[in-house]
Structures are given as structure tokens and as C-alpha cells.
């Protein structure tokens, strides 16, 4: 019975994510982090690893995606 609804879970996750971020889609991407892309700081953040900083996870995942 549940195999019929297998496609529904990803669809609901996508819809929930889209609904959550819809109001912010009009903003410029990474508007306050432009200096990371210009000066090459993303590679440094990725190599640094874990740090106790407020936006560490955000910066680390952004660096990880950029290096992919």
C-alpha cells in the first residue's frame, strides 16, 4: 500500500522547501557574502574545518558546494 505513495514524499519535501523559501527568492544570492567569492576565502573556510562560529555551518556548506 505504501509503495504507491513513494513518489509523494519527495514531492511534499520539494513543495515544503519551495513554500518556505518563496519569499526570499527575490533577494540577491549571497548578497552579504560576495567577498568570499572574490577573495578566495571559501577554500580557506573549507580547509579550516570545524569552528565555533555563528555562521560556520552556512559558510562551510557554501564552500563545500563551491568546491564541488
PDB file of N, CA and C in Angstrom:
ATOM      1  N   UNK A   1       0.807  -1.191   0.000  1.00  0.00           N
ATOM      2  CA  UNK A   1       0.000   0.000   0.000  1.00  0.00           C
ATOM      3  C   UNK A   1       0.861   1.270   0.000  1.00  0.00           C
ATOM      4  N   UNK A   2       1.930   1.275   0.814  1.00  0.00           N
ATOM      5  CA  UNK A   2       2.761   2.458   0.896  1.00  0.00           C
ATOM      6  C   UNK A   2       3.647   2.647  -0.331  1.00  0.00           C
ATOM      7  N   UNK A   3       3.856   1.589  -1.096  1.00  0.00           N
ATOM      8  CA  UNK A   3       4.691   1.706  -2.282  1.00  0.00           C
ATOM      9  C   UNK A   3       4.044   2.596  -3.341  1.00  0.00           C
ATOM     10  N   UNK A   4       2.724   2.715  -3.298  1.00  0.00           N
ATOM     11  CA  UNK A   4       2.049   3.602  -4.252  1.00  0.00           C
ATOM     12  C   UNK A   4       2.333   5.069  -3.967  1.00  0.00           C
ATOM     13  N   UNK A   5       2.640   5.389  -2.718  1.00  0.00           N
ATOM     14  CA  UNK A   5       2.872   6.781  -2.322  1.00  0.00           C
ATOM     15  C   UNK A   5       4.352   7.115  -2.219  1.00  0.00           C
ATOM     16  N   UNK A   6       5.203   6.293  -2.804  1.00  0.00           N
ATOM     17  CA  UNK A   6       6.647   6.516  -2.741  1.00  0.00           C
ATOM     18  C   UNK A   6       7.052   7.841  -3.390  1.00  0.00           C
ATOM     19  N   UNK A   7       6.389   8.223  -4.420  1.00  0.00           N
ATOM     20  CA  UNK A   7       6.705   9.462  -5.119  1.00  0.00           C
ATOM     21  C   UNK A   7       6.221  10.688  -4.355  1.00  0.00           C
ATOM     22  N   UNK A   8       5.308  10.493  -3.432  1.00  0.00           N
ATOM     23  CA  UNK A   8       4.693  11.607  -2.726  1.00  0.00           C
ATOM     24  C   UNK A   8       5.639  12.273  -1.722  1.00  0.00           C
ATOM     25  N   UNK A   9       6.510  11.522  -1.076  1.00  0.00           N
ATOM     26  CA  UNK A   9       7.426  12.084  -0.080  1.00  0.00           C
ATOM     27  C   UNK A   9       8.378  13.109  -0.696  1.00  0.00           C
ATOM     28  N   UNK A  10       9.098  12.788  -1.784  1.00  0.00           N
ATOM     29  CA  UNK A  10       9.957  13.821  -2.374  1.00  0.00           C
ATOM     30  C   UNK A  10       9.172  15.029  -2.889  1.00  0.00           C
ATOM     31  N   UNK A  11       8.002  14.770  -3.404  1.00  0.00           N
ATOM     32  CA  UNK A  11       7.179  15.866  -3.896  1.00  0.00           C
ATOM     33  C   UNK A  11       6.750  16.796  -2.761  1.00  0.00           C
ATOM     34  N   UNK A  12       6.355  16.218  -1.636  1.00  0.00           N
ATOM     35  CA  UNK A  12       5.981  17.035  -0.474  1.00  0.00           C
ATOM     36  C   UNK A  12       7.169  17.788   0.096  1.00  0.00           C
ATOM     37  N   UNK A  13       8.346  17.173   0.132  1.00  0.00           N
ATOM     38  CA  UNK A  13       9.543  17.863   0.610  1.00  0.00           C
ATOM     39  C   UNK A  13       9.906  19.031  -0.298  1.00  0.00           C
ATOM     40  N   UNK A  14       9.817  18.815  -1.589  1.00  0.00           N
ATOM     41  CA  UNK A  14      10.101  19.890  -2.528  1.00  0.00           C
ATOM     42  C   UNK A  14       9.093  21.026  -2.368  1.00  0.00           C
ATOM     43  N   UNK A  15       7.822  20.694  -2.239  1.00  0.00           N
ATOM     44  CA  UNK A  15       6.791  21.716  -2.089  1.00  0.00           C
ATOM     45  C   UNK A  15       6.971  22.495  -0.789  1.00  0.00           C
ATOM     46  N   UNK A  16       7.313  21.806   0.295  1.00  0.00           N
ATOM     47  CA  UNK A  16       7.523  22.489   1.570  1.00  0.00           C
ATOM     48  C   UNK A  16       8.738  23.408   1.509  1.00  0.00           C
ATOM     49  N   UNK A  17       9.809  22.947   0.869  1.00  0.00           N
ATOM     50  CA  UNK A  17      11.006  23.785   0.731  1.00  0.00           C
ATOM     51  C   UNK A  17      10.721  24.999  -0.135  1.00  0.00           C
ATOM     52  N   UNK A  18      10.029  24.785  -1.228  1.00  0.00           N
ATOM     53  CA  UNK A  18       9.682  25.890  -2.119  1.00  0.00           C
ATOM     54  C   UNK A  18       8.794  26.907  -1.403  1.00  0.00           C
ATOM     55  N   UNK A  19       7.817  26.422  -0.644  1.00  0.00           N
ATOM     56  CA  UNK A  19       6.919  27.311   0.096  1.00  0.00           C
ATOM     57  C   UNK A  19       7.678  28.086   1.167  1.00  0.00           C
ATOM     58  N   UNK A  20       8.655  27.443   1.809  1.00  0.00           N
ATOM     59  CA  UNK A  20       9.422  28.091   2.865  1.00  0.00           C
ATOM     60  C   UNK A  20      10.323  29.196   2.315  1.00  0.00           C
ATOM     61  N   UNK A  21      10.959  28.958   1.173  1.00  0.00           N
ATOM     62  CA  UNK A  21      11.922  29.909   0.628  1.00  0.00           C
ATOM     63  C   UNK A  21      11.343  30.854  -0.420  1.00  0.00           C
ATOM     64  N   UNK A  22      10.088  30.723  -0.764  1.00  0.00           N
ATOM     65  CA  UNK A  22       9.495  31.572  -1.793  1.00  0.00           C
ATOM     66  C   UNK A  22       9.651  33.059  -1.507  1.00  0.00           C
ATOM     67  N   UNK A  23       9.421  33.550  -0.273  1.00  0.00           N
ATOM     68  CA  UNK A  23       9.554  34.989  -0.031  1.00  0.00           C
ATOM     69  C   UNK A  23      10.978  35.510  -0.209  1.00  0.00           C
ATOM     70  N   UNK A  24      11.989  34.664  -0.079  1.00  0.00           N
ATOM     71  CA  UNK A  24      13.373  35.134  -0.162  1.00  0.00           C
ATOM     72  C   UNK A  24      13.989  34.948  -1.547  1.00  0.00           C
ATOM     73  N   UNK A  25      13.262  34.400  -2.494  1.00  0.00           N
ATOM     74  CA  UNK A  25      13.839  34.155  -3.814  1.00  0.00           C
ATOM     75  C   UNK A  25      14.127  35.429  -4.591  1.00  0.00           C
ATOM     76  N   UNK A  26      13.535  36.525  -4.194  1.00  0.00           N
ATOM     77  CA  UNK A  26      13.779  37.780  -4.911  1.00  0.00           C
ATOM     78  C   UNK A  26      15.061  38.471  -4.458  1.00  0.00           C
ATOM     79  N   UNK A  27      15.670  38.022  -3.368  1.00  0.00           N
ATOM     80  CA  UNK A  27      16.907  38.634  -2.880  1.00  0.00           C
ATOM     81  C   UNK A  27      18.080  38.206  -3.743  1.00  0.00           C
ATOM     82  N   UNK A  28      19.123  39.024  -3.750  1.00  0.00           N
ATOM     83  CA  UNK A  28      20.344  38.648  -4.448  1.00  0.00           C
ATOM     84  C   UNK A  28      20.992  37.483  -3.716  1.00  0.00           C
ATOM     85  N   UNK A  29      21.522  36.504  -4.442  1.00  0.00           N
ATOM     86  CA  UNK A  29      22.147  35.368  -3.765  1.00  0.00           C
ATOM     87  C   UNK A  29      23.433  35.773  -3.061  1.00  0.00           C
ATOM     88  N   UNK A  30      23.555  35.377  -1.818  1.00  0.00           N
ATOM     89  CA  UNK A  30      24.753  35.638  -1.010  1.00  0.00           C
ATOM     90  C   UNK A  30      25.148  37.109  -1.038  1.00  0.00           C
ATOM     91  N   UNK A  31      24.178  38.000  -0.899  1.00  0.00           N
ATOM     92  CA  UNK A  31      24.464  39.427  -1.036  1.00  0.00           C
ATOM     93  C   UNK A  31      25.458  39.922  -0.008  1.00  0.00           C
ATOM     94  N   UNK A  32      25.505  39.316   1.174  1.00  0.00           N
ATOM     95  CA  UNK A  32      26.458  39.776   2.176  1.00  0.00           C
ATOM     96  C   UNK A  32      27.740  38.950   2.189  1.00  0.00           C
ATOM     97  N   UNK A  33      27.831  37.936   1.340  1.00  0.00           N
ATOM     98  CA  UNK A  33      28.998  37.066   1.311  1.00  0.00           C
ATOM     99  C   UNK A  33      29.769  37.172  -0.002  1.00  0.00           C
ATOM    100  N   UNK A  34      29.566  38.245  -0.721  1.00  0.00           N
ATOM    101  CA  UNK A  34      30.226  38.403  -2.017  1.00  0.00           C
ATOM    102  C   UNK A  34      31.745  38.403  -1.877  1.00  0.00           C
ATOM    103  N   UNK A  35      32.249  38.921  -0.750  1.00  0.00           N
ATOM    104  CA  UNK A  35      33.699  38.979  -0.561  1.00  0.00           C
ATOM    105  C   UNK A  35      34.329  37.587  -0.511  1.00  0.00           C
ATOM    106  N   UNK A  36      33.574  36.553  -0.136  1.00  0.00           N
ATOM    107  CA  UNK A  36      34.134  35.207  -0.132  1.00  0.00           C
ATOM    108  C   UNK A  36      34.432  34.722  -1.546  1.00  0.00           C
ATOM    109  N   UNK A  37      33.592  35.077  -2.487  1.00  0.00           N
ATOM    110  CA  UNK A  37      33.795  34.623  -3.857  1.00  0.00           C
ATOM    111  C   UNK A  37      34.919  35.386  -4.545  1.00  0.00           C
ATOM    112  N   UNK A  38      35.110  36.638  -4.176  1.00  0.00           N
ATOM    113  CA  UNK A  38      36.125  37.457  -4.825  1.00  0.00           C
ATOM    114  C   UNK A  38      37.524  37.135  -4.299  1.00  0.00           C
ATOM    115  N   UNK A  39      37.667  37.002  -2.997  1.00  0.00           N
ATOM    116  CA  UNK A  39      38.999  36.871  -2.418  1.00  0.00           C
ATOM    117  C   UNK A  39      39.450  35.427  -2.215  1.00  0.00           C
ATOM    118  N   UNK A  40      38.639  34.455  -2.550  1.00  0.00           N
ATOM    119  CA  UNK A  40      39.039  33.066  -2.402  1.00  0.00           C
ATOM    120  C   UNK A  40      38.971  32.547  -0.982  1.00  0.00           C
ATOM    121  N   UNK A  41      38.144  33.146  -0.157  1.00  0.00           N
ATOM    122  CA  UNK A  41      38.046  32.732   1.238  1.00  0.00           C
ATOM    123  C   UNK A  41      37.312  31.412   1.413  1.00  0.00           C
ATOM    124  N   UNK A  42      36.541  30.992   0.422  1.00  0.00           N
ATOM    125  CA  UNK A  42      35.784  29.751   0.567  1.00  0.00           C
ATOM    126  C   UNK A  42      36.705  28.548   0.722  1.00  0.00           C
ATOM    127  N   UNK A  43      37.789  28.524  -0.028  1.00  0.00           N
ATOM    128  CA  UNK A  43      38.715  27.406   0.083  1.00  0.00           C
ATOM    129  C   UNK A  43      39.352  27.381   1.463  1.00  0.00           C
ATOM    130  N   UNK A  44      39.668  28.550   2.002  1.00  0.00           N
ATOM    131  CA  UNK A  44      40.245  28.630   3.348  1.00  0.00           C
ATOM    132  C   UNK A  44      39.260  28.127   4.399  1.00  0.00           C
ATOM    133  N   UNK A  45      38.004  28.483   4.270  1.00  0.00           N
ATOM    134  CA  UNK A  45      36.985  28.041   5.219  1.00  0.00           C
ATOM    135  C   UNK A  45      36.820  26.532   5.149  1.00  0.00           C
ATOM    136  N   UNK A  46      36.834  25.971   3.955  1.00  0.00           N
ATOM    137  CA  UNK A  46      36.685  24.530   3.797  1.00  0.00           C
ATOM    138  C   UNK A  46      37.874  23.796   4.394  1.00  0.00           C
ATOM    139  N   UNK A  47      39.071  24.295   4.205  1.00  0.00           N
ATOM    140  CA  UNK A  47      40.267  23.653   4.738  1.00  0.00           C
ATOM    141  C   UNK A  47      40.373  23.815   6.247  1.00  0.00           C
ATOM    142  N   UNK A  48      39.810  24.881   6.782  1.00  0.00           N
ATOM    143  CA  UNK A  48      39.876  25.146   8.220  1.00  0.00           C
ATOM    144  C   UNK A  48      39.099  24.087   9.002  1.00  0.00           C
ATOM    145  N   UNK A  49      38.007  23.613   8.458  1.00  0.00           N
ATOM    146  CA  UNK A  49      37.206  22.604   9.138  1.00  0.00           C
ATOM    147  C   UNK A  49      36.276  23.213  10.166  1.00  0.00           C
ATOM    148  N   UNK A  50      35.973  22.443  11.215  1.00  0.00           N
ATOM    149  CA  UNK A  50      35.003  22.874  12.218  1.00  0.00           C
ATOM    150  C   UNK A  50      35.530  24.048  13.034  1.00  0.00           C
ATOM    151  N   UNK A  51      34.651  25.005  13.293  1.00  0.00           N
ATOM    152  CA  UNK A  51      34.994  26.166  14.130  1.00  0.00           C
ATOM    153  C   UNK A  51      33.743  26.587  14.890  1.00  0.00           C
ATOM    154  N   UNK A  52      33.924  27.052  16.109  1.00  0.00           N
ATOM    155  CA  UNK A  52      32.797  27.529  16.912  1.00  0.00           C
ATOM    156  C   UNK A  52      32.494  28.978  16.538  1.00  0.00           C
ATOM    157  N   UNK A  53      31.779  29.153  15.445  1.00  0.00           N
ATOM    158  CA  UNK A  53      31.396  30.479  14.974  1.00  0.00           C
ATOM    159  C   UNK A  53      29.913  30.461  14.640  1.00  0.00           C
ATOM    160  N   UNK A  54      29.248  31.607  14.699  1.00  0.00           N
ATOM    161  CA  UNK A  54      27.796  31.631  14.479  1.00  0.00           C
ATOM    162  C   UNK A  54      27.348  31.117  13.112  1.00  0.00           C
ATOM    163  N   UNK A  55      28.062  31.452  12.075  1.00  0.00           N
ATOM    164  CA  UNK A  55      27.628  31.053  10.732  1.00  0.00           C
ATOM    165  C   UNK A  55      28.550  30.014  10.118  1.00  0.00           C
ATOM    166  N   UNK A  56      29.193  29.203  10.957  1.00  0.00           N
ATOM    167  CA  UNK A  56      30.148  28.230  10.452  1.00  0.00           C
ATOM    168  C   UNK A  56      29.498  27.236   9.499  1.00  0.00           C
ATOM    169  N   UNK A  57      28.377  26.668   9.881  1.00  0.00           N
ATOM    170  CA  UNK A  57      27.735  25.661   9.038  1.00  0.00           C
ATOM    171  C   UNK A  57      27.327  26.245   7.688  1.00  0.00           C
ATOM    172  N   UNK A  58      26.826  27.451   7.683  1.00  0.00           N
ATOM    173  CA  UNK A  58      26.443  28.108   6.435  1.00  0.00           C
ATOM    174  C   UNK A  58      27.645  28.311   5.532  1.00  0.00           C
ATOM    175  N   UNK A  59      28.727  28.854   6.087  1.00  0.00           N
ATOM    176  CA  UNK A  59      29.929  29.096   5.292  1.00  0.00           C
ATOM    177  C   UNK A  59      30.553  27.779   4.821  1.00  0.00           C
ATOM    178  N   UNK A  60      30.583  26.773   5.693  1.00  0.00           N
ATOM    179  CA  UNK A  60      31.207  25.508   5.334  1.00  0.00           C
ATOM    180  C   UNK A  60      30.453  24.811   4.202  1.00  0.00           C
ATOM    181  N   UNK A  61      29.138  24.776   4.273  1.00  0.00           N
ATOM    182  CA  UNK A  61      28.374  24.132   3.204  1.00  0.00           C
ATOM    183  C   UNK A  61      28.459  24.922   1.905  1.00  0.00           C
ATOM    184  N   UNK A  62      28.519  26.255   2.008  1.00  0.00           N
ATOM    185  CA  UNK A  62      28.678  27.070   0.807  1.00  0.00           C
ATOM    186  C   UNK A  62      30.039  26.788   0.171  1.00  0.00           C
ATOM    187  N   UNK A  63      31.099  26.658   0.983  1.00  0.00           N
ATOM    188  CA  UNK A  63      32.424  26.352   0.465  1.00  0.00           C
ATOM    189  C   UNK A  63      32.459  24.955  -0.134  1.00  0.00           C
ATOM    190  N   UNK A  64      31.780  24.012   0.506  1.00  0.00           N
ATOM    191  CA  UNK A  64      31.750  22.646   0.018  1.00  0.00           C
ATOM    192  C   UNK A  64      31.080  22.566  -1.357  1.00  0.00           C
ATOM    193  N   UNK A  65      29.963  23.246  -1.517  1.00  0.00           N
ATOM    194  CA  UNK A  65      29.253  23.249  -2.800  1.00  0.00           C
ATOM    195  C   UNK A  65      30.096  23.959  -3.853  1.00  0.00           C
ATOM    196  N   UNK A  66      30.767  25.034  -3.480  1.00  0.00           N
ATOM    197  CA  UNK A  66      31.597  25.766  -4.434  1.00  0.00           C
ATOM    198  C   UNK A  66      32.768  24.915  -4.924  1.00  0.00           C
ATOM    199  N   UNK A  67      33.328  24.103  -4.041  1.00  0.00           N
ATOM    200  CA  UNK A  67      34.466  23.270  -4.417  1.00  0.00           C
ATOM    201  C   UNK A  67      34.068  22.019  -5.199  1.00  0.00           C
ATOM    202  N   UNK A  68      32.782  21.673  -5.166  1.00  0.00           N
ATOM    203  CA  UNK A  68      32.329  20.520  -5.950  1.00  0.00           C
ATOM    204  C   UNK A  68      32.430  20.850  -7.412  1.00  0.00           C
TER     205      UNK A  68
END
